Amino acid sequence: MDIPQQVIELDGLTLRRFDGEADLPEFFRVIEESLEHLRAWMPWVAEHSRARTAEFLARRPERWASGEEYTYAIVLDGAIVGVCALFRRGDTPANGREIGYWLHPAATGRGLVTRAARAVVEQAFRLPGVDHVEIVHDLANHASGAVPARLGFSEHLRRPAERRAPAQTGENLIWRITRELPKTPAVPEAG
């Protein structure tokens, strides 16, 4: 099975697999410094702790190996500044994947997530059978919505969602980009 690259170099920006315990101090600090920035949109912030961050990092290798989730640290000038992940939710069709992302507030507004998401879309399309990628965000989260718009995604649908973070509206916008897969040649009938 083709799997995404573990390290992706993007002209001064690097996406790389997390390195478990080695990344814990820096990643925890980045989250701590980003809490107010993330609180409005990310429900997990309400339960943030060092232990939960360690648990998150400890699960990355198993999820990568299973193909369930490919989570990258976004690294700028040698420092972790955010996360970009490629995954399947329980309701995601086998031929689709979703991308999620966030950045430290000091790293926003420079196109870093757009570059990271573009690279991760390319990785998604390396996976066998994947013909579409989605980005899902709350309707009011305009910063998150700007990324798929810049990358050529199309608005796919809107659906109700549970409000789990303070700024969420209860409606998600789902963006989609597709790729045509090669058709399997027809097998001639014997006869």
C-alpha atoms as a PDB file:
ATOM      1  CA  MET A   1       0.000   0.000   0.000  1.00  0.00           C
ATOM      2  CA  ASP A   2       1.215   3.463  -0.806  1.00  0.00           C
ATOM      3  CA  ILE A   3       1.406   5.587   2.296  1.00  0.00           C
ATOM      4  CA  PRO A   4       2.060   9.287   2.751  1.00  0.00           C
ATOM      5  CA  GLN A   5       5.624  10.486   3.082  1.00  0.00           C
ATOM      6  CA  GLN A   6       6.824  10.777   6.661  1.00  0.00           C
ATOM      7  CA  VAL A   7       8.671  14.028   5.972  1.00  0.00           C
ATOM      8  CA  ILE A   8       7.645  16.607   3.384  1.00  0.00           C
ATOM      9  CA  GLU A   9       9.960  19.538   2.649  1.00  0.00           C
ATOM     10  CA  LEU A  10       8.192  22.647   1.313  1.00  0.00           C
ATOM     11  CA  ASP A  11      10.795  25.372   0.756  1.00  0.00           C
ATOM     12  CA  GLY A  12      11.407  26.506   4.335  1.00  0.00           C
ATOM     13  CA  LEU A  13       8.427  24.646   5.786  1.00  0.00           C
ATOM     14  CA  THR A  14       8.526  21.013   6.860  1.00  0.00           C
ATOM     15  CA  LEU A  15       5.747  18.568   7.582  1.00  0.00           C
ATOM     16  CA  ARG A  16       6.907  15.574   9.574  1.00  0.00           C
ATOM     17  CA  ARG A  17       5.503  12.741  11.616  1.00  0.00           C
ATOM     18  CA  PHE A  18       5.443  13.443  15.308  1.00  0.00           C
ATOM     19  CA  ASP A  19       8.266  11.878  17.316  1.00  0.00           C
ATOM     20  CA  GLY A  20       6.271  10.833  20.393  1.00  0.00           C
ATOM     21  CA  GLU A  21       7.850  11.702  23.710  1.00  0.00           C
ATOM     22  CA  ALA A  22      10.641  13.686  22.058  1.00  0.00           C
ATOM     23  CA  ASP A  23       8.059  16.201  20.769  1.00  0.00           C
ATOM     24  CA  LEU A  24       6.036  16.401  23.985  1.00  0.00           C
ATOM     25  CA  PRO A  25       7.684  19.430  25.654  1.00  0.00           C
ATOM     26  CA  GLU A  26       7.648  21.598  22.534  1.00  0.00           C
ATOM     27  CA  PHE A  27       4.216  20.498  21.314  1.00  0.00           C
ATOM     28  CA  PHE A  28       2.667  21.021  24.749  1.00  0.00           C
ATOM     29  CA  ARG A  29       4.159  24.536  24.882  1.00  0.00           C
ATOM     30  CA  VAL A  30       2.788  25.363  21.415  1.00  0.00           C
ATOM     31  CA  ILE A  31      -0.679  24.237  22.498  1.00  0.00           C
ATOM     32  CA  GLU A  32      -0.431  26.200  25.747  1.00  0.00           C
ATOM     33  CA  GLU A  33       0.506  29.347  23.826  1.00  0.00           C
ATOM     34  CA  SER A  34      -2.369  28.740  21.366  1.00  0.00           C
ATOM     35  CA  LEU A  35      -5.196  27.984  23.817  1.00  0.00           C
ATOM     36  CA  GLU A  36      -7.037  31.286  23.524  1.00  0.00           C
ATOM     37  CA  HIS A  37      -6.655  31.221  19.750  1.00  0.00           C
ATOM     38  CA  LEU A  38      -8.011  27.651  19.509  1.00  0.00           C
ATOM     39  CA  ARG A  39     -10.645  27.717  22.257  1.00  0.00           C
ATOM     40  CA  ALA A  40     -13.379  29.203  20.039  1.00  0.00           C
ATOM     41  CA  TRP A  41     -13.257  26.345  17.506  1.00  0.00           C
ATOM     42  CA  MET A  42     -11.534  23.289  18.952  1.00  0.00           C
ATOM     43  CA  PRO A  43     -13.588  21.347  21.521  1.00  0.00           C
ATOM     44  CA  TRP A  44     -10.580  19.355  22.755  1.00  0.00           C
ATOM     45  CA  VAL A  45      -9.088  22.555  24.221  1.00  0.00           C
ATOM     46  CA  ALA A  46     -11.550  22.357  27.136  1.00  0.00           C
ATOM     47  CA  GLU A  47      -9.838  19.141  28.293  1.00  0.00           C
ATOM     48  CA  HIS A  48      -6.284  20.091  27.379  1.00  0.00           C
ATOM     49  CA  SER A  49      -3.541  18.842  29.710  1.00  0.00           C
ATOM     50  CA  ARG A  50       0.010  17.581  29.492  1.00  0.00           C
ATOM     51  CA  ALA A  51      -1.269  14.022  30.023  1.00  0.00           C
ATOM     52  CA  ARG A  52      -3.759  14.355  27.128  1.00  0.00           C
ATOM     53  CA  THR A  53      -1.039  15.767  24.879  1.00  0.00           C
ATOM     54  CA  ALA A  54       1.235  12.837  25.790  1.00  0.00           C
ATOM     55  CA  GLU A  55      -1.632  10.429  25.060  1.00  0.00           C
ATOM     56  CA  PHE A  56      -2.290  12.115  21.699  1.00  0.00           C
ATOM     57  CA  LEU A  57       1.373  11.768  20.711  1.00  0.00           C
ATOM     58  CA  ALA A  58       1.544   8.166  21.957  1.00  0.00           C
ATOM     59  CA  ARG A  59      -1.329   7.162  19.630  1.00  0.00           C
ATOM     60  CA  ARG A  60       0.211   8.671  16.470  1.00  0.00           C
ATOM     61  CA  PRO A  61       2.431   5.697  15.461  1.00  0.00           C
ATOM     62  CA  GLU A  62      -0.428   3.168  15.715  1.00  0.00           C
ATOM     63  CA  ARG A  63      -2.820   5.405  13.778  1.00  0.00           C
ATOM     64  CA  TRP A  64      -0.179   6.021  11.098  1.00  0.00           C
ATOM     65  CA  ALA A  65       0.553   2.297  10.769  1.00  0.00           C
ATOM     66  CA  SER A  66      -3.148   1.431  10.503  1.00  0.00           C
ATOM     67  CA  GLY A  67      -3.803   4.131   7.883  1.00  0.00           C
ATOM     68  CA  GLU A  68      -6.466   5.641  10.135  1.00  0.00           C
ATOM     69  CA  GLU A  69      -4.691   8.973  10.513  1.00  0.00           C
ATOM     70  CA  TYR A  70      -1.519  10.608   9.222  1.00  0.00           C
ATOM     71  CA  THR A  71      -0.709  13.501  11.543  1.00  0.00           C
ATOM     72  CA  TYR A  72       2.054  15.948  10.697  1.00  0.00           C
ATOM     73  CA  ALA A  73       3.786  18.518  12.831  1.00  0.00           C
ATOM     74  CA  ILE A  74       4.057  21.754  10.851  1.00  0.00           C
ATOM     75  CA  VAL A  75       7.624  22.915  11.416  1.00  0.00           C
ATOM     76  CA  LEU A  76       8.907  26.380  10.538  1.00  0.00           C
ATOM     77  CA  ASP A  77      12.533  27.371  11.151  1.00  0.00           C
ATOM     78  CA  GLY A  78      13.025  24.201  13.179  1.00  0.00           C
ATOM     79  CA  ALA A  79      10.072  24.845  15.523  1.00  0.00           C
ATOM     80  CA  ILE A  80       6.661  23.203  15.665  1.00  0.00           C
ATOM     81  CA  VAL A  81       4.013  25.817  14.817  1.00  0.00           C
ATOM     82  CA  GLY A  82       0.949  23.630  14.267  1.00  0.00           C
ATOM     83  CA  VAL A  83      -0.624  20.431  12.998  1.00  0.00           C
ATOM     84  CA  CYS A  84      -2.042  19.155   9.716  1.00  0.00           C
ATOM     85  CA  ALA A  85      -3.703  15.726   9.672  1.00  0.00           C
ATOM     86  CA  LEU A  86      -5.189  13.442   7.052  1.00  0.00           C
ATOM     87  CA  PHE A  87      -7.791  11.015   8.411  1.00  0.00           C
ATOM     88  CA  ARG A  88     -11.026   9.093   8.023  1.00  0.00           C
ATOM     89  CA  ARG A  89     -13.914   9.659  10.404  1.00  0.00           C
ATOM     90  CA  GLY A  90     -16.368   6.858  11.032  1.00  0.00           C
ATOM     91  CA  ASP A  91     -18.785   8.302   8.472  1.00  0.00           C
ATOM     92  CA  THR A  92     -16.144   9.033   5.809  1.00  0.00           C
ATOM     93  CA  PRO A  93     -16.531   6.792   2.749  1.00  0.00           C
ATOM     94  CA  ALA A  94     -13.617   4.450   1.996  1.00  0.00           C
ATOM     95  CA  ASN A  95     -12.777   6.508  -1.095  1.00  0.00           C
ATOM     96  CA  GLY A  96     -12.468   9.770   0.860  1.00  0.00           C
ATOM     97  CA  ARG A  97     -10.272  11.413   3.455  1.00  0.00           C
ATOM     98  CA  GLU A  98     -10.518  14.579   5.522  1.00  0.00           C
ATOM     99  CA  ILE A  99      -7.892  17.159   6.404  1.00  0.00           C
ATOM    100  CA  GLY A 100      -7.789  19.096   9.663  1.00  0.00           C
ATOM    101  CA  TYR A 101      -5.310  21.747  10.768  1.00  0.00           C
ATOM    102  CA  TRP A 102      -4.425  24.455  13.246  1.00  0.00           C
ATOM    103  CA  LEU A 103      -1.581  26.899  13.813  1.00  0.00           C
ATOM    104  CA  HIS A 104       0.030  28.799  16.656  1.00  0.00           C
ATOM    105  CA  PRO A 105      -1.382  32.364  16.462  1.00  0.00           C
ATOM    106  CA  ALA A 106       2.069  33.815  15.691  1.00  0.00           C
ATOM    107  CA  ALA A 107       2.247  31.621  12.562  1.00  0.00           C
ATOM    108  CA  THR A 108      -1.116  32.584  11.042  1.00  0.00           C
ATOM    109  CA  GLY A 109      -1.637  34.840   8.050  1.00  0.00           C
ATOM    110  CA  ARG A 110       1.404  33.622   6.111  1.00  0.00           C
ATOM    111  CA  GLY A 111      -0.117  30.849   4.015  1.00  0.00           C
ATOM    112  CA  LEU A 112       1.518  28.074   6.038  1.00  0.00           C
ATOM    113  CA  VAL A 113      -1.652  26.012   6.482  1.00  0.00           C
ATOM    114  CA  THR A 114      -2.537  26.455   2.820  1.00  0.00           C
ATOM    115  CA  ARG A 115       0.867  25.103   1.814  1.00  0.00           C
ATOM    116  CA  ALA A 116       0.631  22.263   4.338  1.00  0.00           C
ATOM    117  CA  ALA A 117      -2.897  21.305   3.279  1.00  0.00           C
ATOM    118  CA  ARG A 118      -1.908  21.330  -0.405  1.00  0.00           C
ATOM    119  CA  ALA A 119       0.921  18.902   0.336  1.00  0.00           C
ATOM    120  CA  VAL A 120      -1.346  16.669   2.409  1.00  0.00           C
ATOM    121  CA  VAL A 121      -3.957  16.577  -0.375  1.00  0.00           C
ATOM    122  CA  GLU A 122      -1.195  15.308  -2.681  1.00  0.00           C
ATOM    123  CA  GLN A 123      -0.382  12.620  -0.111  1.00  0.00           C
ATOM    124  CA  ALA A 124      -4.064  11.641   0.155  1.00  0.00           C
ATOM    125  CA  PHE A 125      -4.242  11.023  -3.556  1.00  0.00           C
ATOM    126  CA  ARG A 126      -1.321   8.586  -3.252  1.00  0.00           C
ATOM    127  CA  LEU A 127      -3.543   6.294  -1.194  1.00  0.00           C
ATOM    128  CA  PRO A 128      -5.202   3.485  -3.162  1.00  0.00           C
ATOM    129  CA  GLY A 129      -8.817   4.213  -4.051  1.00  0.00           C
ATOM    130  CA  VAL A 130      -8.955   7.722  -2.615  1.00  0.00           C
ATOM    131  CA  ASP A 131     -10.789   9.972  -5.057  1.00  0.00           C
ATOM    132  CA  HIS A 132     -11.763  12.913  -2.857  1.00  0.00           C
ATOM    133  CA  VAL A 133     -10.577  14.934   0.102  1.00  0.00           C
ATOM    134  CA  GLU A 134     -12.761  17.071   2.342  1.00  0.00           C
ATOM    135  CA  ILE A 135     -12.163  19.932   4.716  1.00  0.00           C
ATOM    136  CA  VAL A 136     -14.904  20.440   7.296  1.00  0.00           C
ATOM    137  CA  HIS A 137     -15.243  23.535   9.446  1.00  0.00           C
ATOM    138  CA  ASP A 138     -17.848  25.525  11.311  1.00  0.00           C
ATOM    139  CA  LEU A 139     -19.656  27.951   9.041  1.00  0.00           C
ATOM    140  CA  ALA A 140     -18.435  30.927  11.072  1.00  0.00           C
ATOM    141  CA  ASN A 141     -14.754  29.890  11.017  1.00  0.00           C
ATOM    142  CA  HIS A 142     -13.788  32.020   8.040  1.00  0.00           C
ATOM    143  CA  ALA A 143     -10.036  31.544   8.509  1.00  0.00           C
ATOM    144  CA  SER A 144     -10.392  27.762   8.189  1.00  0.00           C
ATOM    145  CA  GLY A 145     -12.693  28.202   5.206  1.00  0.00           C
ATOM    146  CA  ALA A 146     -10.209  30.366   3.352  1.00  0.00           C
ATOM    147  CA  VAL A 147      -7.812  27.417   2.999  1.00  0.00           C
ATOM    148  CA  PRO A 148      -9.976  25.112   0.852  1.00  0.00           C
ATOM    149  CA  ALA A 149     -11.177  28.094  -1.174  1.00  0.00           C
ATOM    150  CA  ARG A 150      -7.546  28.946  -2.046  1.00  0.00           C
ATOM    151  CA  LEU A 151      -6.777  25.310  -2.901  1.00  0.00           C
ATOM    152  CA  GLY A 152      -9.568  24.881  -5.429  1.00  0.00           C
ATOM    153  CA  PHE A 153     -11.954  22.865  -3.256  1.00  0.00           C
ATOM    154  CA  SER A 154     -15.655  23.366  -3.947  1.00  0.00           C
ATOM    155  CA  GLU A 155     -18.374  23.805  -1.376  1.00  0.00           C
ATOM    156  CA  HIS A 156     -19.889  20.335  -1.197  1.00  0.00           C
ATOM    157  CA  LEU A 157     -22.614  20.637   1.427  1.00  0.00           C
ATOM    158  CA  ARG A 158     -23.666  22.101   4.732  1.00  0.00           C
ATOM    159  CA  ARG A 159     -24.893  19.982   7.599  1.00  0.00           C
ATOM    160  CA  PRO A 160     -26.011  20.505  11.172  1.00  0.00           C
ATOM    161  CA  ALA A 161     -23.387  19.800  13.806  1.00  0.00           C
ATOM    162  CA  GLU A 162     -23.340  19.699  17.559  1.00  0.00           C
ATOM    163  CA  ARG A 163     -22.042  22.950  19.062  1.00  0.00           C
ATOM    164  CA  ARG A 164     -19.016  21.774  21.052  1.00  0.00           C
ATOM    165  CA  ALA A 165     -16.885  24.918  21.227  1.00  0.00           C
ATOM    166  CA  PRO A 166     -17.874  28.506  22.124  1.00  0.00           C
ATOM    167  CA  ALA A 167     -17.844  30.096  18.648  1.00  0.00           C
ATOM    168  CA  GLN A 168     -19.394  27.194  16.777  1.00  0.00           C
ATOM    169  CA  THR A 169     -22.754  27.900  15.118  1.00  0.00           C
ATOM    170  CA  GLY A 170     -24.059  24.348  14.854  1.00  0.00           C
ATOM    171  CA  GLU A 171     -23.585  24.220  11.092  1.00  0.00           C
ATOM    172  CA  ASN A 172     -20.581  22.739   9.296  1.00  0.00           C
ATOM    173  CA  LEU A 173     -19.448  23.579   5.804  1.00  0.00           C
ATOM    174  CA  ILE A 174     -17.892  20.680   3.904  1.00  0.00           C
ATOM    175  CA  TRP A 175     -15.505  21.457   1.056  1.00  0.00           C
ATOM    176  CA  ARG A 176     -14.416  18.772  -1.395  1.00  0.00           C
ATOM    177  CA  ILE A 177     -11.748  18.297  -4.032  1.00  0.00           C
ATOM    178  CA  THR A 178     -11.836  15.252  -6.287  1.00  0.00           C
ATOM    179  CA  ARG A 179      -9.462  13.338  -8.448  1.00  0.00           C
ATOM    180  CA  GLU A 180     -10.385  11.112 -11.302  1.00  0.00           C
ATOM    181  CA  LEU A 181      -9.103   7.605 -10.752  1.00  0.00           C
ATOM    182  CA  PRO A 182      -8.098   5.499 -13.743  1.00  0.00           C
ATOM    183  CA  LYS A 183     -10.929   3.303 -14.955  1.00  0.00           C
ATOM    184  CA  THR A 184     -10.434  -0.427 -14.691  1.00  0.00           C
ATOM    185  CA  PRO A 185     -10.318  -1.777 -18.233  1.00  0.00           C
ATOM    186  CA  ALA A 186     -13.259  -3.930 -19.184  1.00  0.00           C
ATOM    187  CA  VAL A 187     -12.454  -7.589 -19.411  1.00  0.00           C
ATOM    188  CA  PRO A 188     -13.621  -9.047 -22.735  1.00  0.00           C
ATOM    189  CA  GLU A 189     -16.150 -11.780 -22.399  1.00  0.00           C
ATOM    190  CA  ALA A 190     -14.990 -15.243 -23.325  1.00  0.00           C
ATOM    191  CA  GLY A 191     -16.790 -16.790 -26.126  1.00  0.00           C
END
